[in-house]
PDB file of N, CA and C in Angstrom:
ATOM      1  N   MET A   1       0.848  -1.179   0.000  1.00  0.00           N
ATOM      2  CA  MET A   1       0.000   0.000   0.000  1.00  0.00           C
ATOM      3  C   MET A   1       0.890   1.238   0.000  1.00  0.00           C
ATOM      4  N   PRO A   2       0.694   2.141  -0.988  1.00  0.00           N
ATOM      5  CA  PRO A   2       1.466   3.381  -0.979  1.00  0.00           C
ATOM      6  C   PRO A   2       1.200   4.179   0.300  1.00  0.00           C
ATOM      7  N   GLU A   3       2.216   4.841   0.752  1.00  0.00           N
ATOM      8  CA  GLU A   3       2.142   5.551   2.026  1.00  0.00           C
ATOM      9  C   GLU A   3       1.191   6.743   2.014  1.00  0.00           C
ATOM     10  N   LEU A   4       1.443   7.692   1.108  1.00  0.00           N
ATOM     11  CA  LEU A   4       0.784   8.977   1.217  1.00  0.00           C
ATOM     12  C   LEU A   4       0.503   9.564  -0.161  1.00  0.00           C
ATOM     13  N   VAL A   5      -0.612  10.265  -0.277  1.00  0.00           N
ATOM     14  CA  VAL A   5      -0.950  10.998  -1.487  1.00  0.00           C
ATOM     15  C   VAL A   5      -1.529  12.352  -1.077  1.00  0.00           C
ATOM     16  N   ILE A   6      -1.218  13.360  -1.859  1.00  0.00           N
ATOM     17  CA  ILE A   6      -1.778  14.692  -1.647  1.00  0.00           C
ATOM     18  C   ILE A   6      -2.785  14.921  -2.772  1.00  0.00           C
ATOM     19  N   VAL A   7      -4.023  15.222  -2.419  1.00  0.00           N
ATOM     20  CA  VAL A   7      -5.131  15.213  -3.376  1.00  0.00           C
ATOM     21  C   VAL A   7      -5.670  16.615  -3.632  1.00  0.00           C
ATOM     22  N   ASP A   8      -5.954  16.887  -4.904  1.00  0.00           N
ATOM     23  CA  ASP A   8      -6.525  18.157  -5.335  1.00  0.00           C
ATOM     24  C   ASP A   8      -8.054  18.065  -5.391  1.00  0.00           C
ATOM     25  N   THR A   9      -8.674  19.215  -5.486  1.00  0.00           N
ATOM     26  CA  THR A   9     -10.131  19.335  -5.468  1.00  0.00           C
ATOM     27  C   THR A   9     -10.803  18.531  -6.578  1.00  0.00           C
ATOM     28  N   SER A  10     -10.270  18.595  -7.791  1.00  0.00           N
ATOM     29  CA  SER A  10     -10.930  17.925  -8.924  1.00  0.00           C
ATOM     30  C   SER A  10     -11.068  16.419  -8.692  1.00  0.00           C
ATOM     31  N   SER A  11     -10.057  15.813  -8.110  1.00  0.00           N
ATOM     32  CA  SER A  11     -10.133  14.369  -7.833  1.00  0.00           C
ATOM     33  C   SER A  11     -11.163  14.074  -6.748  1.00  0.00           C
ATOM     34  N   LEU A  12     -11.210  14.922  -5.738  1.00  0.00           N
ATOM     35  CA  LEU A  12     -12.217  14.729  -4.678  1.00  0.00           C
ATOM     36  C   LEU A  12     -13.628  14.836  -5.244  1.00  0.00           C
ATOM     37  N   ILE A  13     -13.841  15.808  -6.114  1.00  0.00           N
ATOM     38  CA  ILE A  13     -15.161  15.992  -6.724  1.00  0.00           C
ATOM     39  C   ILE A  13     -15.538  14.764  -7.552  1.00  0.00           C
ATOM     40  N   ALA A  14     -14.612  14.293  -8.369  1.00  0.00           N
ATOM     41  CA  ALA A  14     -14.891  13.125  -9.223  1.00  0.00           C
ATOM     42  C   ALA A  14     -15.192  11.892  -8.382  1.00  0.00           C
ATOM     43  N   LEU A  15     -14.401  11.651  -7.351  1.00  0.00           N
ATOM     44  CA  LEU A  15     -14.624  10.471  -6.505  1.00  0.00           C
ATOM     45  C   LEU A  15     -15.923  10.577  -5.718  1.00  0.00           C
ATOM     46  N   GLU A  16     -16.267  11.782  -5.304  1.00  0.00           N
ATOM     47  CA  GLU A  16     -17.528  11.969  -4.586  1.00  0.00           C
ATOM     48  C   GLU A  16     -18.718  11.699  -5.511  1.00  0.00           C
ATOM     49  N   LYS A  17     -18.619  12.132  -6.756  1.00  0.00           N
ATOM     50  CA  LYS A  17     -19.722  11.938  -7.710  1.00  0.00           C
ATOM     51  C   LYS A  17     -20.031  10.469  -7.950  1.00  0.00           C
ATOM     52  N   VAL A  18     -19.013   9.619  -7.883  1.00  0.00           N
ATOM     53  CA  VAL A  18     -19.236   8.186  -8.089  1.00  0.00           C
ATOM     54  C   VAL A  18     -19.258   7.424  -6.757  1.00  0.00           C
ATOM     55  N   ASN A  19     -19.359   8.182  -5.668  1.00  0.00           N
ATOM     56  CA  ASN A  19     -19.473   7.617  -4.317  1.00  0.00           C
ATOM     57  C   ASN A  19     -18.294   6.693  -3.960  1.00  0.00           C
ATOM     58  N   LEU A  20     -17.068   7.117  -4.297  1.00  0.00           N
ATOM     59  CA  LEU A  20     -15.882   6.298  -4.030  1.00  0.00           C
ATOM     60  C   LEU A  20     -14.804   7.033  -3.225  1.00  0.00           C
ATOM     61  N   LEU A  21     -15.174   8.083  -2.502  1.00  0.00           N
ATOM     62  CA  LEU A  21     -14.187   8.795  -1.685  1.00  0.00           C
ATOM     63  C   LEU A  21     -13.509   7.872  -0.677  1.00  0.00           C
ATOM     64  N   ASP A  22     -14.274   6.970  -0.092  1.00  0.00           N
ATOM     65  CA  ASP A  22     -13.719   6.073   0.932  1.00  0.00           C
ATOM     66  C   ASP A  22     -12.665   5.122   0.371  1.00  0.00           C
ATOM     67  N   LEU A  23     -12.637   4.955  -0.935  1.00  0.00           N
ATOM     68  CA  LEU A  23     -11.641   4.095  -1.575  1.00  0.00           C
ATOM     69  C   LEU A  23     -10.222   4.641  -1.386  1.00  0.00           C
ATOM     70  N   LEU A  24     -10.108   5.944  -1.187  1.00  0.00           N
ATOM     71  CA  LEU A  24      -8.789   6.550  -0.959  1.00  0.00           C
ATOM     72  C   LEU A  24      -8.059   5.885   0.208  1.00  0.00           C
ATOM     73  N   CYS A  25      -8.790   5.615   1.292  1.00  0.00           N
ATOM     74  CA  CYS A  25      -8.170   5.020   2.489  1.00  0.00           C
ATOM     75  C   CYS A  25      -7.854   3.537   2.310  1.00  0.00           C
ATOM     76  N   LYS A  26      -8.417   2.921   1.296  1.00  0.00           N
ATOM     77  CA  LYS A  26      -8.112   1.515   1.028  1.00  0.00           C
ATOM     78  C   LYS A  26      -6.861   1.366   0.166  1.00  0.00           C
ATOM     79  N   VAL A  27      -6.520   2.433  -0.553  1.00  0.00           N
ATOM     80  CA  VAL A  27      -5.356   2.406  -1.433  1.00  0.00           C
ATOM     81  C   VAL A  27      -4.154   3.091  -0.787  1.00  0.00           C
ATOM     82  N   TYR A  28      -4.401   4.150  -0.032  1.00  0.00           N
ATOM     83  CA  TYR A  28      -3.322   4.920   0.599  1.00  0.00           C
ATOM     84  C   TYR A  28      -3.423   4.850   2.120  1.00  0.00           C
ATOM     85  N   PHE A  29      -2.269   4.807   2.755  1.00  0.00           N
ATOM     86  CA  PHE A  29      -2.214   4.819   4.214  1.00  0.00           C
ATOM     87  C   PHE A  29      -2.663   6.170   4.753  1.00  0.00           C
ATOM     88  N   GLN A  30      -2.234   7.242   4.083  1.00  0.00           N
ATOM     89  CA  GLN A  30      -2.611   8.586   4.511  1.00  0.00           C
ATOM     90  C   GLN A  30      -2.940   9.445   3.296  1.00  0.00           C
ATOM     91  N   VAL A  31      -4.016  10.202   3.396  1.00  0.00           N
ATOM     92  CA  VAL A  31      -4.434  11.147   2.371  1.00  0.00           C
ATOM     93  C   VAL A  31      -4.302  12.545   2.964  1.00  0.00           C
ATOM     94  N   VAL A  32      -3.540  13.386   2.292  1.00  0.00           N
ATOM     95  CA  VAL A  32      -3.316  14.755   2.760  1.00  0.00           C
ATOM     96  C   VAL A  32      -4.035  15.707   1.825  1.00  0.00           C
ATOM     97  N   ILE A  33      -4.749  16.659   2.420  1.00  0.00           N
ATOM     98  CA  ILE A  33      -5.462  17.664   1.650  1.00  0.00           C
ATOM     99  C   ILE A  33      -5.075  19.035   2.202  1.00  0.00           C
ATOM    100  N   PRO A  34      -4.524  19.890   1.357  1.00  0.00           N
ATOM    101  CA  PRO A  34      -4.210  21.247   1.816  1.00  0.00           C
ATOM    102  C   PRO A  34      -5.478  21.987   2.233  1.00  0.00           C
ATOM    103  N   GLU A  35      -5.336  22.924   3.153  1.00  0.00           N
ATOM    104  CA  GLU A  35      -6.496  23.683   3.635  1.00  0.00           C
ATOM    105  C   GLU A  35      -7.210  24.409   2.496  1.00  0.00           C
ATOM    106  N   SER A  36      -6.468  24.858   1.490  1.00  0.00           N
ATOM    107  CA  SER A  36      -7.104  25.545   0.354  1.00  0.00           C
ATOM    108  C   SER A  36      -8.046  24.607  -0.396  1.00  0.00           C
ATOM    109  N   VAL A  37      -7.706  23.322  -0.463  1.00  0.00           N
ATOM    110  CA  VAL A  37      -8.569  22.347  -1.124  1.00  0.00           C
ATOM    111  C   VAL A  37      -9.832  22.126  -0.288  1.00  0.00           C
ATOM    112  N   ILE A  38      -9.686  22.098   1.023  1.00  0.00           N
ATOM    113  CA  ILE A  38     -10.859  21.988   1.905  1.00  0.00           C
ATOM    114  C   ILE A  38     -11.792  23.182   1.680  1.00  0.00           C
ATOM    115  N   ARG A  39     -11.214  24.379   1.539  1.00  0.00           N
ATOM    116  CA  ARG A  39     -12.042  25.569   1.285  1.00  0.00           C
ATOM    117  C   ARG A  39     -12.764  25.460  -0.065  1.00  0.00           C
ATOM    118  N   GLU A  40     -12.118  24.870  -1.059  1.00  0.00           N
ATOM    119  CA  GLU A  40     -12.747  24.717  -2.381  1.00  0.00           C
ATOM    120  C   GLU A  40     -13.788  23.608  -2.392  1.00  0.00           C
ATOM    121  N   PHE A  41     -13.482  22.499  -1.732  1.00  0.00           N
ATOM    122  CA  PHE A  41     -14.339  21.303  -1.798  1.00  0.00           C
ATOM    123  C   PHE A  41     -15.369  21.253  -0.686  1.00  0.00           C
ATOM    124  N   GLY A  42     -14.956  21.570   0.515  1.00  0.00           N
ATOM    125  CA  GLY A  42     -15.810  21.419   1.690  1.00  0.00           C
ATOM    126  C   GLY A  42     -15.215  20.367   2.611  1.00  0.00           C
ATOM    127  N   ILE A  43     -15.903  20.086   3.674  1.00  0.00           N
ATOM    128  CA  ILE A  43     -15.431  19.143   4.679  1.00  0.00           C
ATOM    129  C   ILE A  43     -15.378  17.729   4.097  1.00  0.00           C
ATOM    130  N   VAL A  44     -14.280  17.054   4.372  1.00  0.00           N
ATOM    131  CA  VAL A  44     -14.101  15.663   3.959  1.00  0.00           C
ATOM    132  C   VAL A  44     -13.923  14.839   5.224  1.00  0.00           C
ATOM    133  N   SER A  45     -14.655  13.750   5.313  1.00  0.00           N
ATOM    134  CA  SER A  45     -14.557  12.892   6.494  1.00  0.00           C
ATOM    135  C   SER A  45     -14.044  11.517   6.082  1.00  0.00           C
ATOM    136  N   LEU A  46     -12.747  11.332   6.267  1.00  0.00           N
ATOM    137  CA  LEU A  46     -12.111  10.053   5.982  1.00  0.00           C
ATOM    138  C   LEU A  46     -11.173   9.718   7.131  1.00  0.00           C
ATOM    139  N   PRO A  47     -11.114   8.457   7.552  1.00  0.00           N
ATOM    140  CA  PRO A  47     -10.251   8.104   8.689  1.00  0.00           C
ATOM    141  C   PRO A  47      -8.755   8.287   8.412  1.00  0.00           C
ATOM    142  N   CYS A  48      -8.356   8.258   7.164  1.00  0.00           N
ATOM    143  CA  CYS A  48      -6.931   8.370   6.815  1.00  0.00           C
ATOM    144  C   CYS A  48      -6.539   9.795   6.433  1.00  0.00           C
ATOM    145  N   LEU A  49      -7.450  10.751   6.607  1.00  0.00           N
ATOM    146  CA  LEU A  49      -7.251  12.109   6.135  1.00  0.00           C
ATOM    147  C   LEU A  49      -6.515  12.983   7.141  1.00  0.00           C
ATOM    148  N   SER A  50      -5.619  13.814   6.611  1.00  0.00           N
ATOM    149  CA  SER A  50      -5.057  14.902   7.404  1.00  0.00           C
ATOM    150  C   SER A  50      -5.021  16.138   6.516  1.00  0.00           C
ATOM    151  N   THR A  51      -5.116  17.295   7.139  1.00  0.00           N
ATOM    152  CA  THR A  51      -5.052  18.544   6.389  1.00  0.00           C
ATOM    153  C   THR A  51      -3.765  19.270   6.771  1.00  0.00           C
ATOM    154  N   ARG A  52      -3.284  20.066   5.846  1.00  0.00           N
ATOM    155  CA  ARG A  52      -2.050  20.806   6.094  1.00  0.00           C
ATOM    156  C   ARG A  52      -2.167  22.214   5.523  1.00  0.00           C
ATOM    157  N   THR A  53      -1.548  23.136   6.234  1.00  0.00           N
ATOM    158  CA  THR A  53      -1.370  24.488   5.732  1.00  0.00           C
ATOM    159  C   THR A  53      -0.069  24.496   4.953  1.00  0.00           C
ATOM    160  N   VAL A  54      -0.075  25.157   3.821  1.00  0.00           N
ATOM    161  CA  VAL A  54       1.112  25.172   2.972  1.00  0.00           C
ATOM    162  C   VAL A  54       1.731  26.558   3.013  1.00  0.00           C
ATOM    163  N   GLY A  55       3.004  26.593   3.337  1.00  0.00           N
ATOM    164  CA  GLY A  55       3.772  27.830   3.292  1.00  0.00           C
ATOM    165  C   GLY A  55       5.029  27.564   2.496  1.00  0.00           C
ATOM    166  N   SER A  56       5.123  28.147   1.322  1.00  0.00           N
ATOM    167  CA  SER A  56       6.266  27.874   0.461  1.00  0.00           C
ATOM    168  C   SER A  56       6.495  29.061  -0.461  1.00  0.00           C
ATOM    169  N   ASN A  57       7.739  29.365  -0.713  1.00  0.00           N
ATOM    170  CA  ASN A  57       8.072  30.407  -1.674  1.00  0.00           C
ATOM    171  C   ASN A  57       7.670  30.006  -3.090  1.00  0.00           C
ATOM    172  N   LEU A  58       7.489  28.737  -3.306  1.00  0.00           N
ATOM    173  CA  LEU A  58       7.103  28.201  -4.609  1.00  0.00           C
ATOM    174  C   LEU A  58       5.677  28.611  -5.001  1.00  0.00           C
ATOM    175  N   LEU A  59       4.836  28.913  -4.029  1.00  0.00           N
ATOM    176  CA  LEU A  59       3.429  29.225  -4.306  1.00  0.00           C
ATOM    177  C   LEU A  59       3.268  30.418  -5.247  1.00  0.00           C
ATOM    178  N   LYS A  60       4.039  31.477  -5.030  1.00  0.00           N
ATOM    179  CA  LYS A  60       3.932  32.663  -5.881  1.00  0.00           C
ATOM    180  C   LYS A  60       4.214  32.304  -7.337  1.00  0.00           C
ATOM    181  N   LEU A  61       5.249  31.541  -7.567  1.00  0.00           N
ATOM    182  CA  LEU A  61       5.591  31.114  -8.924  1.00  0.00           C
ATOM    183  C   LEU A  61       4.458  30.287  -9.532  1.00  0.00           C
ATOM    184  N   LEU A  62       3.940  29.326  -8.771  1.00  0.00           N
ATOM    185  CA  LEU A  62       2.906  28.435  -9.289  1.00  0.00           C
ATOM    186  C   LEU A  62       1.604  29.168  -9.595  1.00  0.00           C
ATOM    187  N   VAL A  63       1.212  30.087  -8.716  1.00  0.00           N
ATOM    188  CA  VAL A  63      -0.059  30.794  -8.894  1.00  0.00           C
ATOM    189  C   VAL A  63       0.086  31.961  -9.863  1.00  0.00           C
ATOM    190  N   THR A  64       1.064  32.821  -9.634  1.00  0.00           N
ATOM    191  CA  THR A  64       1.192  34.039 -10.431  1.00  0.00           C
ATOM    192  C   THR A  64       1.820  33.788 -11.793  1.00  0.00           C
ATOM    193  N   ASP A  65       2.952  33.142 -11.808  1.00  0.00           N
ATOM    194  CA  ASP A  65       3.680  32.976 -13.072  1.00  0.00           C
ATOM    195  C   ASP A  65       3.150  31.827 -13.933  1.00  0.00           C
ATOM    196  N   LEU A  66       2.746  30.728 -13.302  1.00  0.00           N
ATOM    197  CA  LEU A  66       2.274  29.567 -14.065  1.00  0.00           C
ATOM    198  C   LEU A  66       0.753  29.473 -14.142  1.00  0.00           C
ATOM    199  N   ASN A  67       0.067  30.407 -13.457  1.00  0.00           N
ATOM    200  CA  ASN A  67      -1.386  30.526 -13.532  1.00  0.00           C
ATOM    201  C   ASN A  67      -2.142  29.278 -13.080  1.00  0.00           C
ATOM    202  N   LEU A  68      -1.634  28.612 -12.044  1.00  0.00           N
ATOM    203  CA  LEU A  68      -2.350  27.470 -11.469  1.00  0.00           C
ATOM    204  C   LEU A  68      -3.312  27.973 -10.405  1.00  0.00           C
ATOM    205  N   GLY A  69      -4.346  27.194 -10.135  1.00  0.00           N
ATOM    206  CA  GLY A  69      -5.260  27.522  -9.056  1.00  0.00           C
ATOM    207  C   GLY A  69      -4.583  27.337  -7.709  1.00  0.00           C
ATOM    208  N   LYS A  70      -5.146  27.949  -6.686  1.00  0.00           N
ATOM    209  CA  LYS A  70      -4.559  27.881  -5.343  1.00  0.00           C
ATOM    210  C   LYS A  70      -4.475  26.452  -4.837  1.00  0.00           C
ATOM    211  N   GLY A  71      -5.502  25.655  -5.029  1.00  0.00           N
ATOM    212  CA  GLY A  71      -5.487  24.264  -4.568  1.00  0.00           C
ATOM    213  C   GLY A  71      -4.417  23.452  -5.266  1.00  0.00           C
ATOM    214  N   GLU A  72      -4.344  23.580  -6.582  1.00  0.00           N
ATOM    215  CA  GLU A  72      -3.323  22.851  -7.350  1.00  0.00           C
ATOM    216  C   GLU A  72      -1.921  23.278  -6.932  1.00  0.00           C
ATOM    217  N   ALA A  73      -1.744  24.583  -6.761  1.00  0.00           N
ATOM    218  CA  ALA A  73      -0.435  25.098  -6.352  1.00  0.00           C
ATOM    219  C   ALA A  73      -0.048  24.570  -4.978  1.00  0.00           C
ATOM    220  N   ASP A  74      -1.000  24.534  -4.056  1.00  0.00           N
ATOM    221  CA  ASP A  74      -0.712  24.026  -2.710  1.00  0.00           C
ATOM    222  C   ASP A  74      -0.358  22.540  -2.741  1.00  0.00           C
ATOM    223  N   VAL A  75      -1.069  21.765  -3.547  1.00  0.00           N
ATOM    224  CA  VAL A  75      -0.786  20.329  -3.668  1.00  0.00           C
ATOM    225  C   VAL A  75       0.639  20.126  -4.184  1.00  0.00           C
ATOM    226  N   ILE A  76       0.998  20.851  -5.234  1.00  0.00           N
ATOM    227  CA  ILE A  76       2.328  20.706  -5.828  1.00  0.00           C
ATOM    228  C   ILE A  76       3.415  21.195  -4.877  1.00  0.00           C
ATOM    229  N   ALA A  77       3.198  22.335  -4.239  1.00  0.00           N
ATOM    230  CA  ALA A  77       4.197  22.874  -3.307  1.00  0.00           C
ATOM    231  C   ALA A  77       4.418  21.927  -2.135  1.00  0.00           C
ATOM    232  N   LEU A  78       3.343  21.396  -1.595  1.00  0.00           N
ATOM    233  CA  LEU A  78       3.464  20.463  -0.474  1.00  0.00           C
ATOM    234  C   LEU A  78       4.185  19.182  -0.898  1.00  0.00           C
ATOM    235  N   ALA A  79       3.858  18.677  -2.066  1.00  0.00           N
ATOM    236  CA  ALA A  79       4.521  17.468  -2.569  1.00  0.00           C
ATOM    237  C   ALA A  79       6.001  17.716  -2.824  1.00  0.00           C
ATOM    238  N   SER A  80       6.338  18.913  -3.270  1.00  0.00           N
ATOM    239  CA  SER A  80       7.751  19.214  -3.522  1.00  0.00           C
ATOM    240  C   SER A  80       8.539  19.247  -2.213  1.00  0.00           C
ATOM    241  N   GLN A  81       7.874  19.571  -1.119  1.00  0.00           N
ATOM    242  CA  GLN A  81       8.530  19.590   0.195  1.00  0.00           C
ATOM    243  C   GLN A  81       8.649  18.191   0.787  1.00  0.00           C
ATOM    244  N   THR A  82       7.682  17.328   0.480  1.00  0.00           N
ATOM    245  CA  THR A  82       7.625  16.010   1.124  1.00  0.00           C
ATOM    246  C   THR A  82       8.026  14.852   0.220  1.00  0.00           C
ATOM    247  N   GLY A  83       8.044  15.082  -1.093  1.00  0.00           N
ATOM    248  CA  GLY A  83       8.337  14.004  -2.032  1.00  0.00           C
ATOM    249  C   GLY A  83       7.177  13.043  -2.221  1.00  0.00           C
ATOM    250  N   SER A  84       5.992  13.459  -1.818  1.00  0.00           N
ATOM    251  CA  SER A  84       4.805  12.603  -1.894  1.00  0.00           C
ATOM    252  C   SER A  84       4.197  12.589  -3.292  1.00  0.00           C
ATOM    253  N   GLU A  85       3.408  11.580  -3.551  1.00  0.00           N
ATOM    254  CA  GLU A  85       2.643  11.476  -4.792  1.00  0.00           C
ATOM    255  C   GLU A  85       1.505  12.492  -4.765  1.00  0.00           C
ATOM    256  N   VAL A  86       1.148  13.015  -5.947  1.00  0.00           N
ATOM    257  CA  VAL A  86       0.019  13.932  -6.041  1.00  0.00           C
ATOM    258  C   VAL A  86      -1.064  13.332  -6.921  1.00  0.00           C
ATOM    259  N   MET A  87      -2.316  13.668  -6.601  1.00  0.00           N
ATOM    260  CA  MET A  87      -3.462  13.269  -7.417  1.00  0.00           C
ATOM    261  C   MET A  87      -4.109  14.540  -7.939  1.00  0.00           C
ATOM    262  N   ILE A  88      -3.873  14.795  -9.227  1.00  0.00           N
ATOM    263  CA  ILE A  88      -4.353  16.014  -9.884  1.00  0.00           C
ATOM    264  C   ILE A  88      -4.887  15.627 -11.255  1.00  0.00           C
ATOM    265  N   ASP A  89      -6.028  16.218 -11.648  1.00  0.00           N
ATOM    266  CA  ASP A  89      -6.594  15.945 -12.967  1.00  0.00           C
ATOM    267  C   ASP A  89      -6.304  17.052 -13.978  1.00  0.00           C
ATOM    268  N   ASP A  90      -6.112  18.281 -13.528  1.00  0.00           N
ATOM    269  CA  ASP A  90      -5.863  19.407 -14.421  1.00  0.00           C
ATOM    270  C   ASP A  90      -4.574  19.186 -15.208  1.00  0.00           C
ATOM    271  N   LEU A  91      -4.659  19.241 -16.537  1.00  0.00           N
ATOM    272  CA  LEU A  91      -3.523  18.926 -17.396  1.00  0.00           C
ATOM    273  C   LEU A  91      -2.335  19.860 -17.168  1.00  0.00           C
ATOM    274  N   ARG A  92      -2.582  21.146 -17.068  1.00  0.00           N
ATOM    275  CA  ARG A  92      -1.487  22.097 -16.846  1.00  0.00           C
ATOM    276  C   ARG A  92      -0.781  21.806 -15.525  1.00  0.00           C
ATOM    277  N   ALA A  93      -1.542  21.596 -14.477  1.00  0.00           N
ATOM    278  CA  ALA A  93      -0.952  21.310 -13.163  1.00  0.00           C
ATOM    279  C   ALA A  93      -0.188  19.986 -13.186  1.00  0.00           C
ATOM    280  N   ARG A  94      -0.717  19.001 -13.890  1.00  0.00           N
ATOM    281  CA  ARG A  94      -0.018  17.701 -14.006  1.00  0.00           C
ATOM    282  C   ARG A  94       1.329  17.869 -14.686  1.00  0.00           C
ATOM    283  N   LYS A  95       1.366  18.654 -15.755  1.00  0.00           N
ATOM    284  CA  LYS A  95       2.624  18.875 -16.477  1.00  0.00           C
ATOM    285  C   LYS A  95       3.646  19.589 -15.605  1.00  0.00           C
ATOM    286  N   VAL A  96       3.192  20.583 -14.849  1.00  0.00           N
ATOM    287  CA  VAL A  96       4.099  21.294 -13.943  1.00  0.00           C
ATOM    288  C   VAL A  96       4.664  20.322 -12.916  1.00  0.00           C
ATOM    289  N   ALA A  97       3.786  19.525 -12.307  1.00  0.00           N
ATOM    290  CA  ALA A  97       4.227  18.555 -11.291  1.00  0.00           C
ATOM    291  C   ALA A  97       5.203  17.539 -11.879  1.00  0.00           C
ATOM    292  N   GLU A  98       4.903  17.037 -13.051  1.00  0.00           N
ATOM    293  CA  GLU A  98       5.793  16.065 -13.703  1.00  0.00           C
ATOM    294  C   GLU A  98       7.143  16.694 -14.033  1.00  0.00           C
ATOM    295  N   ASN A  99       7.131  17.941 -14.513  1.00  0.00           N
ATOM    296  CA  ASN A  99       8.382  18.635 -14.823  1.00  0.00           C
ATOM    297  C   ASN A  99       9.219  18.896 -13.570  1.00  0.00           C
ATOM    298  N   MET A 100       8.562  18.925 -12.428  1.00  0.00           N
ATOM    299  CA  MET A 100       9.284  19.091 -11.156  1.00  0.00           C
ATOM    300  C   MET A 100       9.770  17.751 -10.612  1.00  0.00           C
ATOM    301  N   GLY A 101       9.479  16.673 -11.323  1.00  0.00           N
ATOM    302  CA  GLY A 101       9.930  15.355 -10.898  1.00  0.00           C
ATOM    303  C   GLY A 101       9.029  14.676  -9.891  1.00  0.00           C
ATOM    304  N   LEU A 102       7.802  15.173  -9.732  1.00  0.00           N
ATOM    305  CA  LEU A 102       6.869  14.576  -8.782  1.00  0.00           C
ATOM    306  C   LEU A 102       6.157  13.391  -9.416  1.00  0.00           C
ATOM    307  N   LYS A 103       5.774  12.444  -8.590  1.00  0.00           N
ATOM    308  CA  LYS A 103       4.973  11.311  -9.048  1.00  0.00           C
ATOM    309  C   LYS A 103       3.524  11.775  -9.093  1.00  0.00           C
ATOM    310  N   VAL A 104       2.921  11.657 -10.269  1.00  0.00           N
ATOM    311  CA  VAL A 104       1.586  12.197 -10.496  1.00  0.00           C
ATOM    312  C   VAL A 104       0.632  11.089 -10.906  1.00  0.00           C
ATOM    313  N   THR A 105      -0.560  11.126 -10.341  1.00  0.00           N
ATOM    314  CA  THR A 105      -1.653  10.286 -10.793  1.00  0.00           C
ATOM    315  C   THR A 105      -2.885  11.170 -10.886  1.00  0.00           C
ATOM    316  N   GLY A 106      -3.891  10.678 -11.570  1.00  0.00           N
ATOM    317  CA  GLY A 106      -5.169  11.372 -11.651  1.00  0.00           C
ATOM    318  C   GLY A 106      -6.257  10.450 -11.144  1.00  0.00           C
ATOM    319  N   THR A 107      -7.478  10.883 -11.252  1.00  0.00           N
ATOM    320  CA  THR A 107      -8.594  10.084 -10.760  1.00  0.00           C
ATOM    321  C   THR A 107      -8.681   8.748 -11.490  1.00  0.00           C
ATOM    322  N   ILE A 108      -8.531   8.768 -12.809  1.00  0.00           N
ATOM    323  CA  ILE A 108      -8.610   7.525 -13.588  1.00  0.00           C
ATOM    324  C   ILE A 108      -7.478   6.582 -13.195  1.00  0.00           C
ATOM    325  N   GLY A 109      -6.265   7.095 -13.094  1.00  0.00           N
ATOM    326  CA  GLY A 109      -5.126   6.271 -12.681  1.00  0.00           C
ATOM    327  C   GLY A 109      -5.320   5.684 -11.300  1.00  0.00           C
ATOM    328  N   PHE A 110      -5.895   6.489 -10.407  1.00  0.00           N
ATOM    329  CA  PHE A 110      -6.195   5.998  -9.055  1.00  0.00           C
ATOM    330  C   PHE A 110      -7.209   4.861  -9.107  1.00  0.00           C
ATOM    331  N   LEU A 111      -8.269   5.018  -9.894  1.00  0.00           N
ATOM    332  CA  LEU A 111      -9.289   3.977  -9.967  1.00  0.00           C
ATOM    333  C   LEU A 111      -8.731   2.693 -10.579  1.00  0.00           C
ATOM    334  N   ILE A 112      -7.850   2.817 -11.548  1.00  0.00           N
ATOM    335  CA  ILE A 112      -7.199   1.640 -12.136  1.00  0.00           C
ATOM    336  C   ILE A 112      -6.347   0.950 -11.079  1.00  0.00           C
ATOM    337  N   ARG A 113      -5.585   1.722 -10.318  1.00  0.00           N
ATOM    338  CA  ARG A 113      -4.750   1.149  -9.249  1.00  0.00           C
ATOM    339  C   ARG A 113      -5.623   0.468  -8.191  1.00  0.00           C
ATOM    340  N   ALA A 114      -6.728   1.079  -7.849  1.00  0.00           N
ATOM    341  CA  ALA A 114      -7.615   0.532  -6.821  1.00  0.00           C
ATOM    342  C   ALA A 114      -8.243  -0.787  -7.271  1.00  0.00           C
ATOM    343  N   GLU A 115      -8.498  -0.906  -8.555  1.00  0.00           N
ATOM    344  CA  GLU A 115      -9.145  -2.098  -9.081  1.00  0.00           C
ATOM    345  C   GLU A 115      -8.205  -3.276  -8.972  1.00  0.00           C
TER     346      GLU A 115
END
């Protein structure tokens, strides 16, 4: 079982729509959601969930220069600090994360892994 994943809003929305949010805890030991994602998505109740505040100089570059959303930027910045896998569906954010050397999956990749 992979240790940890940091999840963006789009993946949470997709998993909620198909009623599979709880599957996250069956695939990952810990699911981390930045506080900005909680503000975008709403309260998430999962036993493996933790939330984190992100403080990084990288955020300005990701949001201002690369035009990523706050949630995506926080997910990428946090992963760059921890070396954790990220779950992001937005193509631009995925490319940025991959170019930074982060391990990236999306909702579809997660569902394939879970199966």
